[in-house]
Amino acid sequence: MIAIPKDEMTPKERMDAFGRGEEIDRVPCCPFTGESYATYFGYSLDDYNHSTEIIVDTIIRTFHMFRADNCSIGPGLQGIPEAMGARLHFSKNDIPQIAAPAISSYEEISKLKPINPYKDGRLKLYIEALKIVQDKLGNEVNIGNTVGGPFTTTAFLIGTEKFLRDLRRNPDKIKEVLEIATLSTLNVMDAIMDLGITPGIADPIASSTLINKSVYREFVFPTIKTCQDHIRKRMGGTGIMHICGKTKPVWEEIVSTGIAGFSLDNIEDIGEFRQGYEDKVLVIGNVDPVGVILNGTKEDIYEAVRVCCEKGMGSKNGYILASGCDIPIGTPPEKIMHFIDAARVYGRMK
């Protein structure tokens, strides 16, 4: 039986020391749970997405259950598009899905306006939840937030299939919508930064699985650079980026936007990314949340954590062990405990 070392620091002590480049007891461990355990605590995902009280209760109880090194609250990828006019479908056991885009043709672009995060859509629910959780848990763990990137927001405003098709057929109209989506993103970021929280960005439609390098350079890079410059101006540093799926073809472009760290999907080799970019960004990832954490055995989880720690620890700008994407709803809690315990075993830093 493997002996599990005890933590010597609280999550906040660990992450604060990590941020200062000081010695810590073990590798920071961040499973991306978010709303994953709302149903475990008896809430439907529909209820979760319409109640600040339920968001707060879920996030706090999830933290106390695992005591992971992250505690993040966000409106999901659909929050900004909804506030700009997209219609969502809510279900009891899954995250919201886009039911209808905000516009049906480019003649309707004039309908799109930069949002007020305190008034439009459900964004205020999450902003209020961030305030409350920060007040209740801020002395134990750092509170974070992730917003959808402008490129993904634009896809949801137009309709993803039409959007991807029109990147070459109608680039000027795409850029017109993208500019408005970027302004909306900046407004949401400002509301988050007003709380003293540095926002991260998730931009899955920017995956190399869906677009090529030239498209990334032309459409995605400028928006992320704008967002990171804005964060740096207000917070003195920049935020974390996550893109689902393949990203290797645009690693150089991603890093050049000025991000502080990159969270890799498990489809990519974190060791290869580290070798190329450890002197520029924080390396984050990337245990498979489905194949390993949800569906794997305890031994599978331990082995995956061991491999990631072997590849990532010692990175010049730091390494955070994390899931390669969000933890699936319905993942047994003991799987997350195995994940964190494995970090205690294989992530000793001293």
Protein backbone atom coordinates (compact mmCIF):
# COMPACT_ATOMS: atom_id res chain seq x y z
CA MET A 1 0.00 0.00 0.00
CA ILE A 2 1.27 3.45 -0.90
CA ALA A 3 1.65 5.84 2.05
CA ILE A 4 -0.08 9.18 1.42
CA PRO A 5 2.02 12.07 2.77
CA LYS A 6 0.09 14.74 4.66
CA ASP A 7 -0.13 18.27 3.30
CA GLU A 8 2.02 20.78 5.12
CA MET A 9 0.35 23.86 3.66
CA THR A 10 -3.20 25.06 3.02
CA PRO A 11 -4.23 25.51 -0.62
CA LYS A 12 -3.89 29.28 -0.28
CA GLU A 13 -0.50 29.07 1.41
CA ARG A 14 0.69 26.69 -1.30
CA MET A 15 -0.53 28.76 -4.24
CA ASP A 16 0.61 32.08 -2.80
CA ALA A 17 4.10 30.68 -2.16
CA PHE A 18 4.06 29.08 -5.61
CA GLY A 19 3.22 32.44 -7.16
CA ARG A 20 6.19 34.02 -5.37
CA GLY A 21 8.54 31.28 -6.53
CA GLU A 22 9.07 29.99 -3.00
CA GLU A 23 9.41 26.41 -1.76
CA ILE A 24 6.16 24.46 -1.41
CA ASP A 25 5.32 21.05 0.04
CA ARG A 26 3.93 19.43 -3.14
CA VAL A 27 2.88 20.17 -6.68
CA PRO A 28 -0.30 22.30 -6.87
CA CYS A 29 -3.22 20.06 -7.88
CA CYS A 30 -6.23 21.50 -9.70
CA PRO A 31 -9.02 19.24 -10.93
CA PHE A 32 -11.41 21.45 -12.90
CA THR A 33 -14.62 20.61 -11.03
CA GLY A 34 -16.73 23.78 -11.37
CA GLU A 35 -20.38 22.70 -11.33
CA SER A 36 -19.49 19.00 -11.66
CA TYR A 37 -20.77 18.07 -8.19
CA ALA A 38 -23.99 20.09 -8.15
CA THR A 39 -26.00 16.90 -8.81
CA TYR A 40 -24.03 15.05 -6.12
CA PHE A 41 -25.28 17.61 -3.61
CA GLY A 42 -28.87 17.20 -4.79
CA TYR A 43 -29.17 20.10 -7.24
CA SER A 44 -30.08 19.91 -10.90
CA LEU A 45 -27.76 21.71 -13.31
CA ASP A 46 -30.74 23.82 -14.34
CA ASP A 47 -31.15 24.98 -10.74
CA TYR A 48 -27.42 25.57 -10.40
CA ASN A 49 -27.36 27.85 -13.42
CA HIS A 50 -30.17 30.04 -12.12
CA SER A 51 -29.29 30.49 -8.45
CA THR A 52 -26.41 32.32 -6.79
CA GLU A 53 -27.22 30.48 -3.55
CA ILE A 54 -26.89 27.06 -5.20
CA ILE A 55 -23.70 28.05 -7.00
CA VAL A 56 -22.17 29.18 -3.72
CA ASP A 57 -23.27 26.07 -1.82
CA THR A 58 -21.97 23.73 -4.53
CA ILE A 59 -18.59 25.42 -4.84
CA ILE A 60 -18.02 25.63 -1.07
CA ARG A 61 -19.05 22.02 -0.45
CA THR A 62 -16.90 20.84 -3.34
CA PHE A 63 -13.89 22.64 -1.87
CA HIS A 64 -14.44 21.17 1.59
CA MET A 65 -14.86 17.68 0.10
CA PHE A 66 -11.55 17.75 -1.83
CA ARG A 67 -9.51 20.74 -0.61
CA ALA A 68 -7.98 21.10 -4.05
CA ASP A 69 -5.76 24.06 -4.86
CA ASN A 70 -8.29 25.76 -7.12
CA CYS A 71 -11.78 27.12 -6.57
CA SER A 72 -13.22 28.58 -9.75
CA ILE A 73 -16.64 29.99 -10.60
CA GLY A 74 -17.68 31.01 -14.08
CA PRO A 75 -20.66 31.46 -16.35
CA GLY A 76 -19.35 28.79 -18.70
CA LEU A 77 -18.78 29.26 -22.39
CA GLN A 78 -22.45 30.08 -22.89
CA GLY A 79 -22.72 32.94 -20.39
CA ILE A 80 -21.55 35.78 -22.60
CA PRO A 81 -23.35 34.58 -25.78
CA GLU A 82 -26.60 34.30 -23.81
CA ALA A 83 -26.19 37.82 -22.44
CA MET A 84 -25.72 39.00 -26.04
CA GLY A 85 -28.90 37.32 -27.28
CA ALA A 86 -28.23 33.62 -27.88
CA ARG A 87 -30.90 31.25 -26.58
CA LEU A 88 -29.85 28.39 -24.31
CA HIS A 89 -31.32 24.99 -23.54
CA PHE A 90 -31.03 24.01 -19.88
CA SER A 91 -31.18 20.45 -18.58
CA LYS A 92 -31.11 18.81 -15.19
CA ASN A 93 -27.97 16.74 -15.68
CA ASP A 94 -25.83 18.61 -18.20
CA ILE A 95 -24.35 22.03 -18.82
CA PRO A 96 -26.39 24.52 -20.88
CA GLN A 97 -26.26 24.17 -24.65
CA ILE A 98 -26.77 26.76 -27.37
CA ALA A 99 -30.33 26.30 -28.68
CA ALA A 100 -30.30 29.21 -31.13
CA PRO A 101 -27.66 31.78 -32.12
CA ALA A 102 -28.10 35.46 -31.38
CA ILE A 103 -28.42 36.41 -35.05
CA SER A 104 -29.77 34.50 -38.02
CA SER A 105 -28.04 36.64 -40.66
CA TYR A 106 -25.36 39.31 -40.84
CA GLU A 107 -28.05 41.90 -41.49
CA GLU A 108 -28.84 41.55 -37.77
CA ILE A 109 -25.36 42.49 -36.52
CA SER A 110 -26.72 45.88 -35.44
CA LYS A 111 -28.69 44.00 -32.76
CA LEU A 112 -25.44 43.03 -31.03
CA LYS A 113 -24.13 45.36 -28.37
CA PRO A 114 -21.32 45.07 -25.81
CA ILE A 115 -22.94 43.73 -22.65
CA ASN A 116 -23.28 45.08 -19.15
CA PRO A 117 -22.31 42.10 -16.97
CA TYR A 118 -24.31 43.44 -14.03
CA LYS A 119 -27.56 43.61 -16.01
CA ASP A 120 -27.46 41.28 -19.02
CA GLY A 121 -28.19 37.57 -18.97
CA ARG A 122 -27.26 35.53 -15.91
CA LEU A 123 -23.75 36.94 -15.50
CA LYS A 124 -24.63 38.80 -12.33
CA LEU A 125 -25.41 35.46 -10.62
CA TYR A 126 -21.81 34.38 -11.03
CA ILE A 127 -20.33 37.74 -10.13
CA GLU A 128 -22.31 37.74 -6.90
CA ALA A 129 -21.30 34.11 -6.26
CA LEU A 130 -17.64 35.06 -6.70
CA LYS A 131 -18.04 37.81 -4.10
CA ILE A 132 -19.65 35.48 -1.57
CA VAL A 133 -17.27 32.56 -2.05
CA GLN A 134 -14.29 34.86 -1.89
CA ASP A 135 -15.57 36.20 1.41
CA LYS A 136 -16.22 32.71 2.82
CA LEU A 137 -13.20 30.80 1.46
CA GLY A 138 -10.69 33.47 0.52
CA ASN A 139 -8.55 32.80 3.57
CA GLU A 140 -8.24 29.09 2.66
CA VAL A 141 -7.99 28.99 -1.14
CA ASN A 142 -7.49 31.42 -4.01
CA ILE A 143 -10.70 32.05 -5.96
CA GLY A 144 -10.58 32.01 -9.75
CA ASN A 145 -12.75 32.50 -12.79
CA THR A 146 -12.70 31.53 -16.46
CA VAL A 147 -14.60 33.27 -19.25
CA GLY A 148 -15.25 32.13 -22.79
CA GLY A 149 -12.88 33.61 -25.35
CA PRO A 150 -14.16 36.05 -27.99
CA PHE A 151 -13.62 33.57 -30.84
CA THR A 152 -15.81 30.92 -29.21
CA THR A 153 -18.39 33.54 -28.20
CA THR A 154 -18.59 34.72 -31.80
CA ALA A 155 -19.15 31.15 -33.00
CA PHE A 156 -22.09 30.81 -30.62
CA LEU A 157 -23.54 34.17 -31.63
CA ILE A 158 -23.54 33.22 -35.31
CA GLY A 159 -23.95 29.43 -35.10
CA THR A 160 -20.80 27.31 -35.05
CA GLU A 161 -21.18 25.61 -38.44
CA LYS A 162 -21.97 28.86 -40.26
CA PHE A 163 -19.21 30.63 -38.36
CA LEU A 164 -16.52 28.10 -39.34
CA ARG A 165 -17.69 28.11 -42.96
CA ASP A 166 -17.71 31.90 -43.16
CA LEU A 167 -14.24 32.45 -41.73
CA ARG A 168 -13.09 32.39 -45.34
CA ARG A 169 -16.32 33.17 -47.17
CA ASN A 170 -17.26 36.25 -45.18
CA PRO A 171 -14.30 37.27 -42.99
CA ASP A 172 -15.24 40.95 -42.73
CA LYS A 173 -18.62 40.16 -41.14
CA ILE A 174 -17.01 37.61 -38.81
CA LYS A 175 -14.53 40.26 -37.67
CA GLU A 176 -17.36 42.73 -37.12
CA VAL A 177 -19.10 40.34 -34.73
CA LEU A 178 -15.77 39.34 -33.20
CA GLU A 179 -15.02 42.95 -32.31
CA ILE A 180 -18.31 43.26 -30.39
CA ALA A 181 -17.72 39.91 -28.68
CA THR A 182 -14.26 41.08 -27.60
CA LEU A 183 -15.71 44.24 -26.05
CA SER A 184 -18.24 42.12 -24.16
CA THR A 185 -15.45 39.86 -22.92
CA LEU A 186 -13.49 42.85 -21.67
CA ASN A 187 -16.55 44.14 -19.82
CA VAL A 188 -17.00 40.79 -18.05
CA MET A 189 -13.29 40.68 -17.24
CA ASP A 190 -13.52 44.14 -15.70
CA ALA A 191 -16.31 42.99 -13.38
CA ILE A 192 -14.17 40.03 -12.31
CA MET A 193 -11.04 42.13 -11.87
CA ASP A 194 -13.05 44.59 -9.77
CA LEU A 195 -13.13 41.74 -7.21
CA GLY A 196 -9.34 41.40 -7.34
CA ILE A 197 -9.55 38.18 -9.37
CA THR A 198 -7.48 37.60 -12.51
CA PRO A 199 -9.73 35.96 -15.14
CA GLY A 200 -8.68 33.03 -17.27
CA ILE A 201 -9.91 32.31 -20.80
CA ALA A 202 -11.25 29.11 -22.36
CA ASP A 203 -11.55 29.19 -26.16
CA PRO A 204 -12.38 25.68 -27.44
CA ILE A 205 -13.49 26.71 -30.94
CA ALA A 206 -9.92 28.01 -31.41
CA SER A 207 -8.67 24.41 -31.29
CA SER A 208 -6.44 23.20 -34.10
CA THR A 209 -8.96 20.39 -34.41
CA LEU A 210 -11.28 22.98 -35.97
CA ILE A 211 -9.11 25.72 -37.48
CA ASN A 212 -5.66 26.01 -39.01
CA LYS A 213 -2.73 28.20 -38.04
CA SER A 214 -3.50 31.00 -40.49
CA VAL A 215 -7.03 31.33 -39.12
CA TYR A 216 -5.69 31.39 -35.57
CA ARG A 217 -3.24 34.14 -36.44
CA GLU A 218 -5.82 36.27 -38.22
CA PHE A 219 -8.88 35.85 -35.99
CA VAL A 220 -7.92 34.47 -32.59
CA PHE A 221 -4.50 35.90 -31.79
CA PRO A 222 -5.52 39.59 -31.87
CA THR A 223 -8.49 39.05 -29.54
CA ILE A 224 -6.52 37.09 -26.94
CA LYS A 225 -3.66 39.59 -27.12
CA THR A 226 -6.17 42.39 -26.50
CA CYS A 227 -7.60 40.54 -23.49
CA GLN A 228 -4.18 39.78 -21.99
CA ASP A 229 -2.97 43.35 -22.48
CA HIS A 230 -6.11 44.55 -20.70
CA ILE A 231 -5.56 42.15 -17.79
CA ARG A 232 -1.91 43.19 -17.49
CA LYS A 233 -2.86 46.86 -17.44
CA ARG A 234 -5.26 46.32 -14.54
CA MET A 235 -3.67 43.47 -12.57
CA GLY A 236 0.04 43.79 -13.29
CA GLY A 237 0.13 40.29 -14.77
CA THR A 238 -1.80 38.16 -17.24
CA GLY A 239 -4.13 35.16 -17.06
CA ILE A 240 -4.33 31.47 -17.86
CA MET A 241 -5.49 30.08 -21.22
CA HIS A 242 -7.18 26.76 -21.98
CA ILE A 243 -8.07 25.37 -25.40
CA CYS A 244 -9.65 21.95 -25.87
CA GLY A 245 -8.33 19.45 -28.38
CA LYS A 246 -5.21 19.80 -30.49
CA THR A 247 -3.16 22.96 -30.09
CA LYS A 248 0.43 22.03 -31.01
CA PRO A 249 0.31 23.79 -34.42
CA VAL A 250 -0.32 27.12 -32.68
CA TRP A 251 1.66 26.77 -29.45
CA GLU A 252 3.97 29.60 -30.49
CA GLU A 253 1.02 31.87 -31.30
CA ILE A 254 -0.76 30.99 -28.04
CA VAL A 255 2.29 31.77 -25.92
CA SER A 256 2.98 34.97 -27.87
CA THR A 257 -0.36 36.45 -26.80
CA GLY A 258 1.27 37.11 -23.43
CA ILE A 259 -0.59 34.55 -21.31
CA ALA A 260 0.82 33.68 -17.90
CA GLY A 261 0.15 29.97 -18.31
CA PHE A 262 -1.31 27.41 -20.69
CA SER A 263 -3.63 24.57 -19.68
CA LEU A 264 -3.23 21.72 -22.17
CA ASP A 265 -5.91 19.28 -23.18
CA ASN A 266 -4.89 15.69 -22.47
CA ILE A 267 -4.67 14.98 -26.20
CA GLU A 268 -1.32 16.81 -26.27
CA ASP A 269 2.04 15.82 -24.72
CA ILE A 270 2.70 18.10 -21.78
CA GLY A 271 6.38 17.16 -21.77
CA GLU A 272 6.79 18.30 -25.35
CA PHE A 273 5.08 21.61 -24.59
CA ARG A 274 7.27 22.09 -21.54
CA GLN A 275 10.45 21.53 -23.52
CA GLY A 276 9.53 24.29 -25.94
CA TYR A 277 7.94 26.89 -23.68
CA GLU A 278 8.83 26.36 -20.01
CA ASP A 279 10.92 29.52 -20.01
CA LYS A 280 7.94 31.59 -21.14
CA VAL A 281 4.79 30.31 -19.39
CA LEU A 282 3.43 28.29 -16.51
CA VAL A 283 2.69 24.71 -17.65
CA ILE A 284 -0.69 23.26 -16.56
CA GLY A 285 -2.22 19.81 -17.06
CA ASN A 286 -3.09 17.34 -18.26
CA VAL A 287 -4.59 14.08 -16.91
CA ASP A 288 -7.43 12.71 -19.06
CA PRO A 289 -10.68 13.59 -17.21
CA VAL A 290 -12.78 10.95 -19.01
CA GLY A 291 -10.56 8.02 -19.93
CA VAL A 292 -8.52 8.13 -16.72
CA ILE A 293 -10.32 10.03 -13.95
CA LEU A 294 -13.92 9.06 -14.72
CA ASN A 295 -13.43 5.62 -16.28
CA GLY A 296 -10.02 4.55 -15.01
CA THR A 297 -9.06 2.61 -11.91
CA LYS A 298 -7.23 4.03 -8.91
CA GLU A 299 -4.05 2.56 -10.39
CA ASP A 300 -4.73 4.26 -13.72
CA ILE A 301 -5.13 7.62 -12.00
CA TYR A 302 -1.94 7.21 -9.97
CA GLU A 303 0.03 6.23 -13.06
CA ALA A 304 -1.29 9.15 -15.11
CA VAL A 305 -0.43 11.58 -12.31
CA ARG A 306 3.03 10.05 -11.99
CA VAL A 307 3.70 10.52 -15.70
CA CYS A 308 2.42 14.11 -15.73
CA CYS A 309 4.48 15.03 -12.67
CA GLU A 310 7.55 13.41 -14.21
CA LYS A 311 7.09 15.47 -17.37
CA GLY A 312 5.98 18.73 -15.80
CA MET A 313 7.70 19.22 -12.45
CA GLY A 314 10.80 21.33 -12.57
CA SER A 315 9.46 23.53 -15.36
CA LYS A 316 11.26 26.88 -15.24
CA ASN A 317 8.07 28.93 -14.87
CA GLY A 318 6.34 26.37 -12.69
CA TYR A 319 4.00 23.44 -13.14
CA ILE A 320 0.44 22.80 -11.95
CA LEU A 321 -0.99 19.29 -12.10
CA ALA A 322 -4.52 19.52 -13.50
CA SER A 323 -7.15 17.64 -15.41
CA GLY A 324 -6.91 18.04 -19.19
CA CYS A 325 -10.39 19.58 -19.25
CA ASP A 326 -13.47 19.81 -17.02
CA ILE A 327 -14.25 16.88 -14.72
CA PRO A 328 -17.33 15.12 -16.14
CA ILE A 329 -20.59 15.40 -14.25
CA GLY A 330 -21.18 12.14 -12.40
CA THR A 331 -17.51 11.43 -11.65
CA PRO A 332 -17.39 9.56 -8.29
CA PRO A 333 -15.80 11.76 -5.61
CA GLU A 334 -13.29 9.06 -4.72
CA LYS A 335 -11.77 9.45 -8.19
CA ILE A 336 -10.90 13.07 -7.41
CA MET A 337 -9.48 12.01 -4.05
CA HIS A 338 -7.27 9.47 -5.85
CA PHE A 339 -6.14 12.27 -8.17
CA ILE A 340 -5.18 14.57 -5.29
CA ASP A 341 -3.64 11.77 -3.21
CA ALA A 342 -1.50 10.82 -6.21
CA ALA A 343 -0.28 14.41 -6.31
CA ARG A 344 0.74 14.03 -2.67
CA VAL A 345 2.69 10.89 -3.55
CA TYR A 346 4.37 11.88 -6.81
CA GLY A 347 4.40 15.65 -6.47
CA ARG A 348 6.64 16.17 -3.45
CA MET A 349 8.57 19.36 -4.10
CA LYS A 350 11.18 19.48 -1.35
